[in-house]
Amino acid sequence: MGGVSQNLVHTLSLLMILTSFAAVEARNLRHATFAYLCQALLVCGLLFAYSTQNPALLYWAVTALVTKAILAPWFLWRSTAGAYEETKPIIGFGISAALLIAILATMYKLTHAHAGLFISVHSELAQLAETNLAVAFTVFALGLYAILTRRDAVKTVIGLCLLENGVHLSLVSLAPTLKETALAGIATEVVVTVYLLLYIIGGIRQKFGTTDTFALNELHW
């Protein structure tokens, strides 16, 4: 693969599933933040690994290191000061674990069975891209799952961050050699959105004493 270690990329990619699950399921919001930080570092590692084929990805990797691995976790850490425990979610751990396995199996089967819809199956990167796309779709699905099933507003923001990571993994997997890939990745960083959401959530907690989105539906400013 022209200097890129396939084993390294596979390992980093698959570890994103574990960190996604930990970020979604950790009841302590700071533990969830740490899981997201680990995933952010994995994304940076993947970008650095792919940069041997596309040096432009180095700029994205450095940007991601600042936005994903430093700023976003710092914002999340600050937002959880004095409120470490997540509001009880709608769906518990057991069902979540079963859903994770089902999602991963489904995405793996779909991406490998219909790889031609996404990539050139004759490309030297095809096999790696197939696995990475399965992981990317799984991470995206877990982010969406967190947004839909978690009552805590901070955990919803973490779900948004997972969505972004899933999109970025699919982007770099589909077009790792294009210079435009790095520009698209940098342009779609959501760190400003994360900051604004957490700022609003902090104001809500200060006014109402909760970040339970179900409880907030019954409150009025």
Protein backbone atom coordinates (compact mmCIF):
# COMPACT_ATOMS: atom_id res chain seq x y z
CA MET A 1 0.00 0.00 0.00
CA GLY A 2 2.83 2.31 -0.78
CA GLY A 3 4.28 2.85 2.68
CA VAL A 4 1.00 2.77 4.62
CA SER A 5 0.73 -0.10 7.08
CA GLN A 6 -2.57 -1.85 6.46
CA ASN A 7 -2.39 -3.55 9.84
CA LEU A 8 -1.93 -0.19 11.54
CA VAL A 9 -4.84 1.40 9.70
CA HIS A 10 -7.09 -1.60 10.39
CA THR A 11 -6.21 -1.54 14.09
CA LEU A 12 -6.78 2.21 14.49
CA SER A 13 -10.03 1.99 12.56
CA LEU A 14 -11.44 -0.93 14.56
CA LEU A 15 -10.46 0.71 17.84
CA MET A 16 -12.80 3.55 16.86
CA ILE A 17 -15.71 1.17 17.42
CA LEU A 18 -14.61 0.43 20.98
CA THR A 19 -14.10 4.09 21.81
CA SER A 20 -17.48 4.96 20.29
CA PHE A 21 -19.20 2.35 22.42
CA ALA A 22 -17.35 3.55 25.53
CA ALA A 23 -18.26 7.18 24.81
CA VAL A 24 -21.94 6.29 24.39
CA GLU A 25 -22.24 3.87 27.30
CA ALA A 26 -20.05 5.50 29.98
CA ARG A 27 -22.38 6.85 32.66
CA ASN A 28 -19.69 9.19 33.97
CA LEU A 29 -19.56 12.09 31.52
CA ARG A 30 -15.86 12.63 32.08
CA HIS A 31 -15.16 8.99 31.32
CA ALA A 32 -17.20 9.46 28.12
CA THR A 33 -15.15 12.56 27.33
CA PHE A 34 -11.93 10.59 27.79
CA ALA A 35 -13.25 7.88 25.44
CA TYR A 36 -13.97 10.55 22.85
CA LEU A 37 -10.47 11.98 23.33
CA CYS A 38 -9.01 8.53 22.64
CA GLN A 39 -11.08 8.29 19.47
CA ALA A 40 -9.94 11.73 18.37
CA LEU A 41 -6.33 10.59 18.71
CA LEU A 42 -7.18 7.50 16.64
CA VAL A 43 -8.57 9.72 13.88
CA CYS A 44 -5.37 11.79 13.94
CA GLY A 45 -3.34 8.58 13.75
CA LEU A 46 -5.32 7.41 10.72
CA LEU A 47 -4.78 10.73 8.96
CA PHE A 48 -1.06 10.58 9.66
CA ALA A 49 -0.96 6.99 8.37
CA TYR A 50 -2.73 7.91 5.13
CA SER A 51 -0.56 11.01 4.69
CA THR A 52 2.24 8.83 3.27
CA GLN A 53 0.10 8.66 0.12
CA ASN A 54 -1.28 12.18 0.37
CA PRO A 55 0.93 14.74 2.19
CA ALA A 56 -1.98 17.22 2.21
CA LEU A 57 -3.59 15.05 4.88
CA LEU A 58 -0.88 16.22 7.29
CA TYR A 59 -2.59 19.62 7.44
CA TRP A 60 -5.88 17.95 8.28
CA ALA A 61 -4.17 15.73 10.86
CA VAL A 62 -2.67 18.75 12.64
CA THR A 63 -6.00 20.60 12.49
CA ALA A 64 -7.80 17.54 13.86
CA LEU A 65 -5.26 17.25 16.67
CA VAL A 66 -6.10 20.80 17.76
CA THR A 67 -9.86 20.70 17.23
CA LYS A 68 -10.79 17.08 17.99
CA ALA A 69 -8.14 16.04 20.52
CA ILE A 70 -7.59 19.32 22.38
CA LEU A 71 -10.39 21.87 22.03
CA ALA A 72 -13.48 19.63 21.90
CA PRO A 73 -12.43 17.43 24.88
CA TRP A 74 -11.49 20.55 26.84
CA PHE A 75 -14.89 22.11 26.17
CA LEU A 76 -16.59 18.86 27.22
CA TRP A 77 -14.44 18.57 30.35
CA ARG A 78 -15.29 22.12 31.40
CA SER A 79 -19.00 21.59 30.75
CA THR A 80 -19.11 18.58 33.11
CA ALA A 81 -17.58 20.37 36.11
CA GLY A 82 -19.73 19.48 39.12
CA ALA A 83 -22.06 17.28 37.06
CA TYR A 84 -20.19 14.06 36.34
CA GLU A 85 -23.03 11.55 36.13
CA GLU A 86 -25.15 11.25 33.03
CA THR A 87 -28.92 11.44 33.26
CA LYS A 88 -30.30 7.89 33.05
CA PRO A 89 -30.64 6.96 29.35
CA ILE A 90 -33.71 5.59 27.65
CA ILE A 91 -32.02 2.33 26.64
CA GLY A 92 -29.73 0.36 28.95
CA PHE A 93 -26.34 -1.25 28.47
CA GLY A 94 -27.49 -4.74 27.45
CA ILE A 95 -29.69 -3.60 24.58
CA SER A 96 -27.02 -1.14 23.48
CA ALA A 97 -24.40 -3.90 23.31
CA ALA A 98 -26.72 -6.07 21.24
CA LEU A 99 -27.47 -3.16 18.90
CA LEU A 100 -23.75 -2.44 18.48
CA ILE A 101 -23.08 -6.03 17.36
CA ALA A 102 -26.07 -5.96 15.01
CA ILE A 103 -25.07 -2.60 13.50
CA LEU A 104 -21.45 -3.66 12.99
CA ALA A 105 -22.43 -7.00 11.40
CA THR A 106 -24.94 -5.30 9.10
CA MET A 107 -22.58 -2.53 8.02
CA TYR A 108 -19.70 -4.97 7.47
CA LYS A 109 -21.89 -7.19 5.31
CA LEU A 110 -23.36 -4.31 3.29
CA THR A 111 -20.08 -2.53 2.61
CA HIS A 112 -18.32 -5.73 1.53
CA ALA A 113 -21.25 -6.97 -0.56
CA HIS A 114 -21.81 -3.64 -2.30
CA ALA A 115 -18.31 -2.16 -2.25
CA GLY A 116 -18.59 -1.27 -5.93
CA LEU A 117 -21.16 1.40 -5.09
CA PHE A 118 -18.59 3.32 -3.04
CA ILE A 119 -15.13 2.52 -4.38
CA SER A 120 -13.26 0.98 -7.28
CA VAL A 121 -13.01 -2.69 -6.35
CA HIS A 122 -9.85 -2.98 -8.41
CA SER A 123 -8.04 -0.30 -6.42
CA GLU A 124 -5.14 -1.34 -4.22
CA LEU A 125 -6.95 0.45 -1.38
CA ALA A 126 -10.23 -1.39 -1.93
CA GLN A 127 -9.96 -3.99 0.83
CA LEU A 128 -8.86 -1.43 3.39
CA ALA A 129 -11.60 0.99 2.35
CA GLU A 130 -14.28 -1.69 2.69
CA THR A 131 -13.41 -2.35 6.32
CA ASN A 132 -12.98 1.35 7.09
CA LEU A 133 -16.36 2.16 5.59
CA ALA A 134 -18.00 -0.52 7.72
CA VAL A 135 -16.36 1.04 10.77
CA ALA A 136 -17.26 4.58 9.66
CA PHE A 137 -20.93 3.71 9.19
CA THR A 138 -20.96 1.96 12.57
CA VAL A 139 -19.41 4.97 14.33
CA PHE A 140 -21.90 7.25 12.57
CA ALA A 141 -24.79 5.01 13.61
CA LEU A 142 -23.60 4.98 17.23
CA GLY A 143 -23.40 8.77 17.21
CA LEU A 144 -26.95 8.97 15.89
CA TYR A 145 -28.00 6.37 18.46
CA ALA A 146 -26.54 8.53 21.26
CA ILE A 147 -28.41 11.58 20.02
CA LEU A 148 -31.72 9.72 19.86
CA THR A 149 -31.56 7.65 23.07
CA ARG A 150 -29.57 9.73 25.56
CA ARG A 151 -31.45 12.19 27.75
CA ASP A 152 -28.38 14.13 28.87
CA ALA A 153 -27.66 17.12 26.63
CA VAL A 154 -23.89 16.74 27.07
CA LYS A 155 -24.07 13.13 25.86
CA THR A 156 -26.02 14.40 22.84
CA VAL A 157 -23.07 16.66 22.01
CA ILE A 158 -20.73 13.68 22.30
CA GLY A 159 -23.02 11.85 19.87
CA LEU A 160 -22.61 14.76 17.44
CA CYS A 161 -18.82 14.43 17.74
CA LEU A 162 -19.07 10.72 16.94
CA LEU A 163 -21.18 11.51 13.88
CA GLU A 164 -18.44 13.83 12.67
CA ASN A 165 -15.73 11.23 13.20
CA GLY A 166 -17.72 8.65 11.26
CA VAL A 167 -18.12 11.05 8.35
CA HIS A 168 -14.42 11.93 8.39
CA LEU A 169 -13.33 8.29 8.45
CA SER A 170 -15.52 7.56 5.44
CA LEU A 171 -14.16 10.63 3.66
CA VAL A 172 -10.51 9.72 4.06
CA SER A 173 -11.26 6.07 3.20
CA LEU A 174 -13.08 6.92 -0.03
CA ALA A 175 -10.62 9.49 -1.34
CA PRO A 176 -7.30 9.20 0.51
CA THR A 177 -5.17 10.40 -2.41
CA LEU A 178 -7.07 13.58 -3.35
CA LYS A 179 -5.75 16.91 -2.08
CA GLU A 180 -9.34 18.14 -1.83
CA THR A 181 -10.02 15.51 0.84
CA ALA A 182 -7.92 17.40 3.38
CA LEU A 183 -9.69 20.67 2.57
CA ALA A 184 -13.12 19.04 2.90
CA GLY A 185 -12.13 17.48 6.21
CA ILE A 186 -10.87 20.75 7.67
CA ALA A 187 -13.94 22.62 6.42
CA THR A 188 -16.35 20.18 8.12
CA GLU A 189 -14.82 20.33 11.60
CA VAL A 190 -17.61 21.07 14.09
CA VAL A 191 -15.60 22.35 17.05
CA VAL A 192 -17.28 25.77 16.94
CA THR A 193 -20.69 24.11 16.98
CA VAL A 194 -19.61 21.98 19.94
CA TYR A 195 -18.49 25.07 21.84
CA LEU A 196 -21.73 26.93 21.18
CA LEU A 197 -23.90 23.96 22.14
CA LEU A 198 -22.00 23.40 25.38
CA TYR A 199 -22.17 27.11 26.17
CA ILE A 200 -25.95 27.00 25.80
CA ILE A 201 -26.14 23.78 27.84
CA GLY A 202 -24.12 25.46 30.61
CA GLY A 203 -26.61 28.30 30.72
CA ILE A 204 -29.52 25.85 30.87
CA ARG A 205 -27.88 23.94 33.75
CA GLN A 206 -27.29 27.18 35.64
CA LYS A 207 -30.89 28.31 35.21
CA PHE A 208 -32.76 25.01 35.63
CA GLY A 209 -30.24 22.81 37.46
CA THR A 210 -30.45 19.99 34.93
CA THR A 211 -29.40 18.96 31.43
CA ASP A 212 -32.06 16.26 31.16
CA THR A 213 -33.68 17.01 27.80
CA PHE A 214 -36.88 15.25 28.86
CA ALA A 215 -37.22 17.45 31.93
CA LEU A 216 -36.44 20.59 29.92
CA ASN A 217 -39.42 19.90 27.66
CA GLU A 218 -41.64 20.58 30.67
CA LEU A 219 -39.89 23.82 31.66
CA HIS A 220 -40.34 27.34 30.38
CA TRP A 221 -37.94 30.24 30.36
